[in-house]
C-alpha atoms as a PDB file:
ATOM      1  CA  UNK A   1      37.424-120.843  -7.680  1.00  0.00           C
ATOM      2  CA  UNK A   2      37.734-118.129 -10.353  1.00  0.00           C
ATOM      3  CA  UNK A   3      36.041-118.696 -13.854  1.00  0.00           C
ATOM      4  CA  UNK A   4      35.783-117.165 -17.220  1.00  0.00           C
ATOM      5  CA  UNK A   5      32.466-116.200 -19.424  1.00  0.00           C
ATOM      6  CA  UNK A   6      32.534-116.021 -22.864  1.00  0.00           C
ATOM      7  CA  UNK A   7      29.371-114.706 -24.897  1.00  0.00           C
ATOM      8  CA  UNK A   8      28.385-114.204 -28.495  1.00  0.00           C
ATOM      9  CA  UNK A   9      25.539-111.305 -28.477  1.00  0.00           C
ATOM     10  CA  UNK A  10      23.214-111.248 -31.658  1.00  0.00           C
ATOM     11  CA  UNK A  11      20.152-109.081 -32.135  1.00  0.00           C
ATOM     12  CA  UNK A  12      17.891-111.601 -30.566  1.00  0.00           C
ATOM     13  CA  UNK A  13      19.864-114.085 -28.738  1.00  0.00           C
ATOM     14  CA  UNK A  14      22.490-114.035 -26.242  1.00  0.00           C
ATOM     15  CA  UNK A  15      24.644-117.308 -26.011  1.00  0.00           C
ATOM     16  CA  UNK A  16      26.525-117.487 -22.974  1.00  0.00           C
ATOM     17  CA  UNK A  17      29.045-120.206 -21.976  1.00  0.00           C
ATOM     18  CA  UNK A  18      31.625-120.647 -19.015  1.00  0.00           C
ATOM     19  CA  UNK A  19      35.377-120.928 -20.273  1.00  0.00           C
ATOM     20  CA  UNK A  20      37.302-124.001 -18.593  1.00  0.00           C
ATOM     21  CA  UNK A  21      40.291-125.737 -19.493  1.00  0.00           C
ATOM     22  CA  UNK A  22      39.748-124.435 -22.979  1.00  0.00           C
ATOM     23  CA  UNK A  23      36.642-125.858 -23.050  1.00  0.00           C
ATOM     24  CA  UNK A  24      32.892-124.859 -23.507  1.00  0.00           C
ATOM     25  CA  UNK A  25      30.545-125.403 -20.552  1.00  0.00           C
ATOM     26  CA  UNK A  26      26.967-124.779 -19.237  1.00  0.00           C
ATOM     27  CA  UNK A  27      25.877-123.191 -22.378  1.00  0.00           C
ATOM     28  CA  UNK A  28      22.818-121.000 -22.254  1.00  0.00           C
ATOM     29  CA  UNK A  29      20.968-119.056 -25.186  1.00  0.00           C
ATOM     30  CA  UNK A  30      19.228-115.814 -23.462  1.00  0.00           C
ATOM     31  CA  UNK A  31      16.789-113.562 -25.197  1.00  0.00           C
ATOM     32  CA  UNK A  32      18.270-109.826 -25.280  1.00  0.00           C
ATOM     33  CA  UNK A  33      14.534-108.569 -25.171  1.00  0.00           C
ATOM     34  CA  UNK A  34      14.275-110.204 -21.816  1.00  0.00           C
ATOM     35  CA  UNK A  35      17.148-108.406 -20.152  1.00  0.00           C
ATOM     36  CA  UNK A  36      17.923-104.332 -19.787  1.00  0.00           C
ATOM     37  CA  UNK A  37      21.797-105.094 -20.465  1.00  0.00           C
ATOM     38  CA  UNK A  38      24.346-107.302 -20.636  1.00  0.00           C
ATOM     39  CA  UNK A  39      24.945-107.268 -17.260  1.00  0.00           C
ATOM     40  CA  UNK A  40      21.859-107.882 -16.084  1.00  0.00           C
ATOM     41  CA  UNK A  41      21.868-110.986 -18.771  1.00  0.00           C
ATOM     42  CA  UNK A  42      25.018-112.349 -17.364  1.00  0.00           C
ATOM     43  CA  UNK A  43      23.687-111.973 -13.631  1.00  0.00           C
ATOM     44  CA  UNK A  44      20.520-114.301 -15.078  1.00  0.00           C
ATOM     45  CA  UNK A  45      22.979-116.618 -16.764  1.00  0.00           C
ATOM     46  CA  UNK A  46      25.231-117.100 -13.596  1.00  0.00           C
ATOM     47  CA  UNK A  47      22.263-117.588 -11.418  1.00  0.00           C
ATOM     48  CA  UNK A  48      20.767-120.100 -14.035  1.00  0.00           C
ATOM     49  CA  UNK A  49      24.083-122.172 -13.852  1.00  0.00           C
ATOM     50  CA  UNK A  50      24.851-122.184 -10.476  1.00  0.00           C
ATOM     51  CA  UNK A  51      27.864-119.596 -10.476  1.00  0.00           C
ATOM     52  CA  UNK A  52      28.532-116.754  -8.361  1.00  0.00           C
ATOM     53  CA  UNK A  53      29.181-113.247  -9.790  1.00  0.00           C
ATOM     54  CA  UNK A  54      31.988-112.930  -7.233  1.00  0.00           C
ATOM     55  CA  UNK A  55      33.626-116.186  -9.038  1.00  0.00           C
ATOM     56  CA  UNK A  56      33.840-114.360 -12.130  1.00  0.00           C
ATOM     57  CA  UNK A  57      37.510-113.576 -13.226  1.00  0.00           C
ATOM     58  CA  UNK A  58      37.401-112.544 -17.135  1.00  0.00           C
ATOM     59  CA  UNK A  59      34.648-112.011 -19.698  1.00  0.00           C
ATOM     60  CA  UNK A  60      34.918-111.999 -23.653  1.00  0.00           C
ATOM     61  CA  UNK A  61      31.828-110.852 -25.404  1.00  0.00           C
ATOM     62  CA  UNK A  62      31.687-111.157 -29.458  1.00  0.00           C
ATOM     63  CA  UNK A  63      29.500-108.543 -30.437  1.00  0.00           C
ATOM     64  CA  UNK A  64      28.562-107.247 -34.047  1.00  0.00           C
ATOM     65  CA  UNK A  65      30.333-103.938 -35.312  1.00  0.00           C
ATOM     66  CA  UNK A  66      33.855-102.102 -34.464  1.00  0.00           C
ATOM     67  CA  UNK A  67      34.657-102.824 -30.674  1.00  0.00           C
ATOM     68  CA  UNK A  68      37.220-100.197 -30.054  1.00  0.00           C
ATOM     69  CA  UNK A  69      36.628 -97.090 -27.457  1.00  0.00           C
ATOM     70  CA  UNK A  70      34.931 -96.846 -23.976  1.00  0.00           C
ATOM     71  CA  UNK A  71      31.577 -97.326 -24.759  1.00  0.00           C
ATOM     72  CA  UNK A  72      29.878 -99.783 -27.177  1.00  0.00           C
ATOM     73  CA  UNK A  73      26.323-100.075 -28.820  1.00  0.00           C
ATOM     74  CA  UNK A  74      24.998-103.451 -29.946  1.00  0.00           C
ATOM     75  CA  UNK A  75      23.724-103.765 -33.197  1.00  0.00           C
ATOM     76  CA  UNK A  76      20.052-105.006 -33.805  1.00  0.00           C
ATOM     77  CA  UNK A  77      19.291-104.819 -30.030  1.00  0.00           C
ATOM     78  CA  UNK A  78      18.906-101.832 -27.427  1.00  0.00           C
ATOM     79  CA  UNK A  79      21.775-103.215 -25.385  1.00  0.00           C
ATOM     80  CA  UNK A  80      24.529-100.679 -24.608  1.00  0.00           C
ATOM     81  CA  UNK A  81      27.962-101.156 -22.374  1.00  0.00           C
ATOM     82  CA  UNK A  82      30.468 -99.199 -20.740  1.00  0.00           C
ATOM     83  CA  UNK A  83      33.775-100.817 -20.117  1.00  0.00           C
ATOM     84  CA  UNK A  84      34.476 -99.248 -16.748  1.00  0.00           C
ATOM     85  CA  UNK A  85      31.049 -99.403 -15.318  1.00  0.00           C
ATOM     86  CA  UNK A  86      30.715-103.341 -16.512  1.00  0.00           C
ATOM     87  CA  UNK A  87      33.642-104.278 -15.017  1.00  0.00           C
ATOM     88  CA  UNK A  88      33.118-102.188 -11.487  1.00  0.00           C
ATOM     89  CA  UNK A  89      29.304-103.991 -11.885  1.00  0.00           C
ATOM     90  CA  UNK A  90      30.592-107.468 -11.839  1.00  0.00           C
ATOM     91  CA  UNK A  91      34.065-106.841 -10.475  1.00  0.00           C
ATOM     92  CA  UNK A  92      36.072-108.209 -13.199  1.00  0.00           C
ATOM     93  CA  UNK A  93      39.505-107.938 -13.824  1.00  0.00           C
ATOM     94  CA  UNK A  94      39.382-108.626 -17.674  1.00  0.00           C
ATOM     95  CA  UNK A  95      36.868-107.709 -20.228  1.00  0.00           C
ATOM     96  CA  UNK A  96      37.595-108.372 -23.701  1.00  0.00           C
ATOM     97  CA  UNK A  97      35.275-107.409 -26.586  1.00  0.00           C
ATOM     98  CA  UNK A  98      35.629-108.798 -30.097  1.00  0.00           C
ATOM     99  CA  UNK A  99      34.112-108.307 -33.191  1.00  0.00           C
ATOM    100  CA  UNK A 100      31.654-110.932 -33.671  1.00  0.00           C
ATOM    101  CA  UNK A 101      32.940-112.215 -37.188  1.00  0.00           C
ATOM    102  CA  UNK A 102      36.508-112.358 -35.600  1.00  0.00           C
ATOM    103  CA  UNK A 103      35.021-114.538 -32.811  1.00  0.00           C
ATOM    104  CA  UNK A 104      33.221-116.700 -35.509  1.00  0.00           C
ATOM    105  CA  UNK A 105      36.404-116.832 -37.467  1.00  0.00           C
ATOM    106  CA  UNK A 106      38.951-118.264 -34.672  1.00  0.00           C
ATOM    107  CA  UNK A 107      35.782-120.451 -34.254  1.00  0.00           C
ATOM    108  CA  UNK A 108      36.704-122.026 -37.293  1.00  0.00           C
ATOM    109  CA  UNK A 109      40.166-123.121 -35.825  1.00  0.00           C
ATOM    110  CA  UNK A 110      37.969-125.888 -33.209  1.00  0.00           C
ATOM    111  CA  UNK A 111      35.637-127.266 -35.872  1.00  0.00           C
ATOM    112  CA  UNK A 112      34.962-131.107 -35.316  1.00  0.00           C
ATOM    113  CA  UNK A 113      34.330-133.844 -37.222  1.00  0.00           C
ATOM    114  CA  UNK A 114      31.268-133.804 -39.194  1.00  0.00           C
ATOM    115  CA  UNK A 115      30.609-129.701 -38.455  1.00  0.00           C
ATOM    116  CA  UNK A 116      31.530-128.787 -42.135  1.00  0.00           C
ATOM    117  CA  UNK A 117      29.764-130.026 -45.495  1.00  0.00           C
ATOM    118  CA  UNK A 118      32.177-129.649 -48.279  1.00  0.00           C
ATOM    119  CA  UNK A 119      30.711-127.350 -51.058  1.00  0.00           C
ATOM    120  CA  UNK A 120      33.874-127.067 -53.448  1.00  0.00           C
ATOM    121  CA  UNK A 121      36.480-129.902 -53.203  1.00  0.00           C
ATOM    122  CA  UNK A 122      39.951-128.504 -52.719  1.00  0.00           C
ATOM    123  CA  UNK A 123      43.126-128.521 -50.478  1.00  0.00           C
ATOM    124  CA  UNK A 124      44.020-125.497 -48.599  1.00  0.00           C
ATOM    125  CA  UNK A 125      47.054-123.279 -49.836  1.00  0.00           C
ATOM    126  CA  UNK A 126      49.713-123.465 -46.788  1.00  0.00           C
ATOM    127  CA  UNK A 127      50.154-119.979 -45.422  1.00  0.00           C
ATOM    128  CA  UNK A 128      47.106-118.636 -47.062  1.00  0.00           C
ATOM    129  CA  UNK A 129      44.333-116.434 -45.833  1.00  0.00           C
ATOM    130  CA  UNK A 130      41.105-118.442 -45.044  1.00  0.00           C
ATOM    131  CA  UNK A 131      37.709-116.222 -45.759  1.00  0.00           C
ATOM    132  CA  UNK A 132      34.614-116.800 -42.925  1.00  0.00           C
ATOM    133  CA  UNK A 133      31.628-115.223 -44.518  1.00  0.00           C
ATOM    134  CA  UNK A 134      28.163-116.024 -43.613  1.00  0.00           C
ATOM    135  CA  UNK A 135      24.146-114.330 -43.729  1.00  0.00           C
ATOM    136  CA  UNK A 136      22.560-114.162 -40.417  1.00  0.00           C
ATOM    137  CA  UNK A 137      20.590-110.958 -38.788  1.00  0.00           C
ATOM    138  CA  UNK A 138      23.172-109.500 -41.020  1.00  0.00           C
ATOM    139  CA  UNK A 139      26.353-110.402 -43.409  1.00  0.00           C
ATOM    140  CA  UNK A 140      29.292-111.067 -41.413  1.00  0.00           C
ATOM    141  CA  UNK A 141      32.750-111.319 -43.498  1.00  0.00           C
ATOM    142  CA  UNK A 142      36.330-112.032 -41.691  1.00  0.00           C
ATOM    143  CA  UNK A 143      39.539-113.004 -42.383  1.00  0.00           C
ATOM    144  CA  UNK A 144      41.722-115.731 -41.029  1.00  0.00           C
ATOM    145  CA  UNK A 145      45.216-115.425 -41.115  1.00  0.00           C
ATOM    146  CA  UNK A 146      47.808-118.556 -40.096  1.00  0.00           C
ATOM    147  CA  UNK A 147      50.953-117.121 -37.936  1.00  0.00           C
ATOM    148  CA  UNK A 148      53.983-118.337 -38.274  1.00  0.00           C
ATOM    149  CA  UNK A 149      54.324-121.459 -36.281  1.00  0.00           C
ATOM    150  CA  UNK A 150      51.215-122.123 -34.566  1.00  0.00           C
ATOM    151  CA  UNK A 151      48.080-120.382 -34.244  1.00  0.00           C
ATOM    152  CA  UNK A 152      45.727-117.934 -35.923  1.00  0.00           C
ATOM    153  CA  UNK A 153      44.750-114.484 -36.189  1.00  0.00           C
ATOM    154  CA  UNK A 154      41.418-113.290 -36.913  1.00  0.00           C
ATOM    155  CA  UNK A 155      41.085-109.837 -38.999  1.00  0.00           C
ATOM    156  CA  UNK A 156      37.466-108.071 -38.579  1.00  0.00           C
ATOM    157  CA  UNK A 157      35.736-106.258 -41.146  1.00  0.00           C
ATOM    158  CA  UNK A 158      32.874-104.489 -42.417  1.00  0.00           C
ATOM    159  CA  UNK A 159      32.671-106.876 -45.725  1.00  0.00           C
ATOM    160  CA  UNK A 160      28.699-107.086 -45.308  1.00  0.00           C
ATOM    161  CA  UNK A 161      28.607-103.457 -46.404  1.00  0.00           C
ATOM    162  CA  UNK A 162      30.156-103.708 -49.831  1.00  0.00           C
ATOM    163  CA  UNK A 163      28.284-102.841 -52.910  1.00  0.00           C
ATOM    164  CA  UNK A 164      25.942-105.509 -54.170  1.00  0.00           C
ATOM    165  CA  UNK A 165      27.762-106.414 -57.293  1.00  0.00           C
ATOM    166  CA  UNK A 166      25.643-106.766 -60.787  1.00  0.00           C
ATOM    167  CA  UNK A 167      25.944-110.112 -63.144  1.00  0.00           C
ATOM    168  CA  UNK A 168      23.329-110.491 -65.191  1.00  0.00           C
ATOM    169  CA  UNK A 169      20.668-108.545 -66.627  1.00  0.00           C
ATOM    170  CA  UNK A 170      18.176-109.909 -64.089  1.00  0.00           C
ATOM    171  CA  UNK A 171      20.401-108.844 -61.206  1.00  0.00           C
ATOM    172  CA  UNK A 172      20.973-105.321 -62.727  1.00  0.00           C
ATOM    173  CA  UNK A 173      16.881-105.201 -63.199  1.00  0.00           C
ATOM    174  CA  UNK A 174      16.599-106.207 -59.175  1.00  0.00           C
ATOM    175  CA  UNK A 175      19.292-103.646 -58.351  1.00  0.00           C
ATOM    176  CA  UNK A 176      17.439-100.377 -60.032  1.00  0.00           C
ATOM    177  CA  UNK A 177      14.118-101.084 -57.729  1.00  0.00           C
ATOM    178  CA  UNK A 178      16.832-102.048 -54.676  1.00  0.00           C
ATOM    179  CA  UNK A 179      18.125 -98.279 -55.573  1.00  0.00           C
ATOM    180  CA  UNK A 180      14.894 -96.906 -55.485  1.00  0.00           C
ATOM    181  CA  UNK A 181      14.056 -98.372 -52.251  1.00  0.00           C
ATOM    182  CA  UNK A 182      17.454 -97.906 -50.340  1.00  0.00           C
ATOM    183  CA  UNK A 183      19.962 -95.756 -52.366  1.00  0.00           C
ATOM    184  CA  UNK A 184      23.034 -97.220 -51.510  1.00  0.00           C
ATOM    185  CA  UNK A 185      22.442-100.734 -52.168  1.00  0.00           C
ATOM    186  CA  UNK A 186      25.009-102.909 -50.088  1.00  0.00           C
ATOM    187  CA  UNK A 187      25.415-106.884 -49.978  1.00  0.00           C
ATOM    188  CA  UNK A 188      23.629-107.336 -46.462  1.00  0.00           C
ATOM    189  CA  UNK A 189      20.652-105.461 -48.149  1.00  0.00           C
ATOM    190  CA  UNK A 190      20.009-108.886 -49.465  1.00  0.00           C
ATOM    191  CA  UNK A 191      22.576-111.236 -47.984  1.00  0.00           C
ATOM    192  CA  UNK A 192      20.692-111.693 -44.580  1.00  0.00           C
ATOM    193  CA  UNK A 193      17.545-112.867 -43.197  1.00  0.00           C
ATOM    194  CA  UNK A 194      15.604-109.515 -43.825  1.00  0.00           C
ATOM    195  CA  UNK A 195      17.369-109.347 -47.248  1.00  0.00           C
ATOM    196  CA  UNK A 196      15.889-112.464 -48.413  1.00  0.00           C
ATOM    197  CA  UNK A 197      12.416-110.798 -47.632  1.00  0.00           C
ATOM    198  CA  UNK A 198      13.330-107.759 -49.692  1.00  0.00           C
ATOM    199  CA  UNK A 199      14.678-110.067 -52.247  1.00  0.00           C
ATOM    200  CA  UNK A 200      11.222-111.989 -52.656  1.00  0.00           C
ATOM    201  CA  UNK A 201       9.447-108.738 -52.581  1.00  0.00           C
ATOM    202  CA  UNK A 202      11.491-106.949 -54.908  1.00  0.00           C
ATOM    203  CA  UNK A 203      11.545-109.988 -57.445  1.00  0.00           C
ATOM    204  CA  UNK A 204       7.800-110.009 -57.231  1.00  0.00           C
ATOM    205  CA  UNK A 205       7.211-106.067 -58.271  1.00  0.00           C
ATOM    206  CA  UNK A 206       9.787-106.781 -61.001  1.00  0.00           C
ATOM    207  CA  UNK A 207       7.596-109.723 -62.096  1.00  0.00           C
ATOM    208  CA  UNK A 208       4.731-108.157 -61.330  1.00  0.00           C
ATOM    209  CA  UNK A 209       3.341-110.565 -58.604  1.00  0.00           C
ATOM    210  CA  UNK A 210       1.918-110.324 -55.322  1.00  0.00           C
ATOM    211  CA  UNK A 211       4.106-111.148 -52.383  1.00  0.00           C
ATOM    212  CA  UNK A 212       2.161-113.731 -50.621  1.00  0.00           C
ATOM    213  CA  UNK A 213       5.017-114.819 -48.541  1.00  0.00           C
ATOM    214  CA  UNK A 214       6.230-112.653 -45.648  1.00  0.00           C
ATOM    215  CA  UNK A 215       9.202-113.948 -43.860  1.00  0.00           C
ATOM    216  CA  UNK A 216      12.450-115.667 -44.721  1.00  0.00           C
ATOM    217  CA  UNK A 217      11.067-118.917 -43.250  1.00  0.00           C
ATOM    218  CA  UNK A 218       8.090-118.848 -45.333  1.00  0.00           C
ATOM    219  CA  UNK A 219      10.283-118.142 -48.430  1.00  0.00           C
ATOM    220  CA  UNK A 220      12.967-121.069 -47.443  1.00  0.00           C
ATOM    221  CA  UNK A 221      10.216-123.382 -46.842  1.00  0.00           C
ATOM    222  CA  UNK A 222       7.941-122.938 -49.601  1.00  0.00           C
ATOM    223  CA  UNK A 223      11.274-123.253 -51.916  1.00  0.00           C
ATOM    224  CA  UNK A 224      12.268-126.456 -50.207  1.00  0.00           C
ATOM    225  CA  UNK A 225       8.722-127.437 -50.815  1.00  0.00           C
ATOM    226  CA  UNK A 226       9.285-127.360 -54.553  1.00  0.00           C
ATOM    227  CA  UNK A 227       7.387-123.893 -55.094  1.00  0.00           C
ATOM    228  CA  UNK A 228       8.830-122.629 -58.410  1.00  0.00           C
ATOM    229  CA  UNK A 229       9.223-118.977 -57.690  1.00  0.00           C
ATOM    230  CA  UNK A 230      10.374-119.607 -54.148  1.00  0.00           C
ATOM    231  CA  UNK A 231      13.061-121.766 -55.329  1.00  0.00           C
ATOM    232  CA  UNK A 232      13.844-118.989 -57.964  1.00  0.00           C
ATOM    233  CA  UNK A 233      14.276-116.313 -55.259  1.00  0.00           C
ATOM    234  CA  UNK A 234      16.314-118.527 -52.915  1.00  0.00           C
ATOM    235  CA  UNK A 235      18.582-119.706 -55.854  1.00  0.00           C
ATOM    236  CA  UNK A 236      19.264-115.949 -56.526  1.00  0.00           C
ATOM    237  CA  UNK A 237      20.288-115.965 -53.045  1.00  0.00           C
ATOM    238  CA  UNK A 238      22.526-118.322 -53.282  1.00  0.00           C
ATOM    239  CA  UNK A 239      24.028-116.843 -56.384  1.00  0.00           C
ATOM    240  CA  UNK A 240      24.806-113.477 -54.921  1.00  0.00           C
ATOM    241  CA  UNK A 241      26.334-115.256 -51.911  1.00  0.00           C
ATOM    242  CA  UNK A 242      29.031-117.133 -54.638  1.00  0.00           C
ATOM    243  CA  UNK A 243      29.545-113.394 -56.052  1.00  0.00           C
ATOM    244  CA  UNK A 244      30.359-111.899 -52.724  1.00  0.00           C
ATOM    245  CA  UNK A 245      32.342-114.528 -51.487  1.00  0.00           C
ATOM    246  CA  UNK A 246      34.259-114.756 -54.480  1.00  0.00           C
ATOM    247  CA  UNK A 247      34.929-111.167 -54.639  1.00  0.00           C
ATOM    248  CA  UNK A 248      36.368-111.227 -51.236  1.00  0.00           C
ATOM    249  CA  UNK A 249      38.890-114.193 -52.176  1.00  0.00           C
ATOM    250  CA  UNK A 250      40.343-111.832 -54.638  1.00  0.00           C
ATOM    251  CA  UNK A 251      40.817-109.084 -52.440  1.00  0.00           C
ATOM    252  CA  UNK A 252      42.226-111.426 -49.543  1.00  0.00           C
ATOM    253  CA  UNK A 253      43.978-113.781 -51.399  1.00  0.00           C
ATOM    254  CA  UNK A 254      42.257-116.459 -49.585  1.00  0.00           C
ATOM    255  CA  UNK A 255      43.293-119.312 -50.953  1.00  0.00           C
ATOM    256  CA  UNK A 256      43.425-121.321 -47.833  1.00  0.00           C
ATOM    257  CA  UNK A 257      39.478-122.011 -48.223  1.00  0.00           C
ATOM    258  CA  UNK A 258      36.012-120.455 -47.722  1.00  0.00           C
ATOM    259  CA  UNK A 259      33.909-120.977 -44.878  1.00  0.00           C
ATOM    260  CA  UNK A 260      30.214-120.303 -45.295  1.00  0.00           C
ATOM    261  CA  UNK A 261      28.879-119.988 -41.570  1.00  0.00           C
ATOM    262  CA  UNK A 262      25.861-117.947 -40.115  1.00  0.00           C
ATOM    263  CA  UNK A 263      22.083-118.851 -39.154  1.00  0.00           C
ATOM    264  CA  UNK A 264      20.654-119.161 -42.923  1.00  0.00           C
ATOM    265  CA  UNK A 265      22.141-121.560 -45.104  1.00  0.00           C
ATOM    266  CA  UNK A 266      22.448-124.218 -42.795  1.00  0.00           C
ATOM    267  CA  UNK A 267      18.643-124.578 -43.215  1.00  0.00           C
ATOM    268  CA  UNK A 268      18.800-125.542 -46.716  1.00  0.00           C
ATOM    269  CA  UNK A 269      22.068-127.281 -47.101  1.00  0.00           C
ATOM    270  CA  UNK A 270      20.977-129.785 -49.859  1.00  0.00           C
ATOM    271  CA  UNK A 271      19.673-126.803 -51.685  1.00  0.00           C
ATOM    272  CA  UNK A 272      22.405-124.828 -51.555  1.00  0.00           C
ATOM    273  CA  UNK A 273      24.711-127.899 -52.780  1.00  0.00           C
ATOM    274  CA  UNK A 274      22.436-127.710 -55.864  1.00  0.00           C
ATOM    275  CA  UNK A 275      22.477-123.981 -56.212  1.00  0.00           C
ATOM    276  CA  UNK A 276      24.097-121.693 -58.786  1.00  0.00           C
ATOM    277  CA  UNK A 277      26.795-120.687 -55.516  1.00  0.00           C
ATOM    278  CA  UNK A 278      29.703-122.905 -57.126  1.00  0.00           C
ATOM    279  CA  UNK A 279      29.624-121.417 -60.609  1.00  0.00           C
ATOM    280  CA  UNK A 280      28.944-117.661 -59.411  1.00  0.00           C
ATOM    281  CA  UNK A 281      31.734-117.866 -56.751  1.00  0.00           C
ATOM    282  CA  UNK A 282      34.478-118.390 -59.457  1.00  0.00           C
ATOM    283  CA  UNK A 283      32.752-116.533 -62.221  1.00  0.00           C
ATOM    284  CA  UNK A 284      35.195-113.606 -62.372  1.00  0.00           C
ATOM    285  CA  UNK A 285      36.132-113.540 -66.492  1.00  0.00           C
ATOM    286  CA  UNK A 286      39.901-114.157 -66.660  1.00  0.00           C
ATOM    287  CA  UNK A 287      40.330-114.669 -63.021  1.00  0.00           C
ATOM    288  CA  UNK A 288      38.058-117.557 -63.237  1.00  0.00           C
ATOM    289  CA  UNK A 289      41.197-120.135 -62.891  1.00  0.00           C
ATOM    290  CA  UNK A 290      42.290-118.438 -59.692  1.00  0.00           C
ATOM    291  CA  UNK A 291      39.528-120.159 -57.623  1.00  0.00           C
ATOM    292  CA  UNK A 292      40.605-123.680 -58.965  1.00  0.00           C
ATOM    293  CA  UNK A 293      41.593-125.963 -56.117  1.00  0.00           C
ATOM    294  CA  UNK A 294      40.087-123.509 -53.376  1.00  0.00           C
ATOM    295  CA  UNK A 295      38.054-125.496 -50.860  1.00  0.00           C
ATOM    296  CA  UNK A 296      34.540-124.324 -49.578  1.00  0.00           C
ATOM    297  CA  UNK A 297      32.756-125.704 -46.569  1.00  0.00           C
ATOM    298  CA  UNK A 298      29.746-124.852 -45.236  1.00  0.00           C
ATOM    299  CA  UNK A 299      29.617-124.976 -41.572  1.00  0.00           C
ATOM    300  CA  UNK A 300      26.944-126.663 -39.672  1.00  0.00           C
ATOM    301  CA  UNK A 301      28.550-126.312 -36.166  1.00  0.00           C
ATOM    302  CA  UNK A 302      25.951-125.224 -33.549  1.00  0.00           C
ATOM    303  CA  UNK A 303      28.063-122.267 -31.339  1.00  0.00           C
ATOM    304  CA  UNK A 304      31.237-121.425 -33.417  1.00  0.00           C
ATOM    305  CA  UNK A 305      30.862-118.066 -32.199  1.00  0.00           C
ATOM    306  CA  UNK A 306      31.120-118.835 -28.675  1.00  0.00           C
ATOM    307  CA  UNK A 307      34.253-121.268 -29.118  1.00  0.00           C
ATOM    308  CA  UNK A 308      36.176-118.522 -31.150  1.00  0.00           C
ATOM    309  CA  UNK A 309      35.461-116.182 -28.040  1.00  0.00           C
ATOM    310  CA  UNK A 310      36.733-118.487 -26.004  1.00  0.00           C
ATOM    311  CA  UNK A 311      40.018-118.890 -28.142  1.00  0.00           C
ATOM    312  CA  UNK A 312      39.990-114.867 -28.192  1.00  0.00           C
ATOM    313  CA  UNK A 313      40.181-114.919 -24.621  1.00  0.00           C
ATOM    314  CA  UNK A 314      43.013-117.668 -24.032  1.00  0.00           C
ATOM    315  CA  UNK A 315      45.229-115.780 -26.252  1.00  0.00           C
ATOM    316  CA  UNK A 316      44.400-112.486 -24.086  1.00  0.00           C
ATOM    317  CA  UNK A 317      44.839-114.225 -21.257  1.00  0.00           C
ATOM    318  CA  UNK A 318      48.287-116.038 -22.291  1.00  0.00           C
ATOM    319  CA  UNK A 319      49.600-112.659 -23.700  1.00  0.00           C
ATOM    320  CA  UNK A 320      49.312-114.259 -27.404  1.00  0.00           C
END
């Protein structure tokens, strides 16, 4: 019997699952560093779940970055993919590559009870776009559009690379130091795992402190334990996320709601709910009233990218 496989490929891990009867089965997480290329990882996955390569009918991989063209180079890992060689190697009839945040956006259409936490109360405005944004290895941004009748379309973008906004004198001072280090200062430079480390180091430099914490995990752990300076840095992280999310809402007209996703914020849900995110999200001068009633949710689902890859593959197979 033929099967379909979906994957959500990150910098460190590759998540794979079988897609059968519009459901995920046999989810596994493999290390990208442990495999030479995606073909090898897929073969290892199929061996682990007891499936033959010959049974593969179609594959959909959600990948960071633009996915046009015959050649694809994965972001933040060593893998490369040639579409024709990939299909020949695995004997595939169908290969679909989708932007990782397009898949993440489509995954929002399959959230279950208990997989999101309300950050800002409100009701989705019918027929309006929804914003999907989240810091992880990088900062992903996508737009989810409702289609006439039934269904959704995800619009990929590179919104994580917009300029980091300045909303206070302290942010201006931090931006100045970041500019000295980086030149162009984009949102992802702060709103990502490595970005939180950079924000901590830059804050310490600005304040004449020794940077004692060496990772995003240590900064978060210290903040949640009540260490004041780490908490101040994490607070600034949340504020900048609010500013960027609000800017994207204004750009896309996303009055259908905002989903905060990614692997970072769900690690400090209570802190985030009490942070300055909400204030900075709608702090847009005379446009502040525009944000009234826009719901914001923090997504805690474990595999939304895989779910979205399944939705994208289903749409392809059905000719949607």
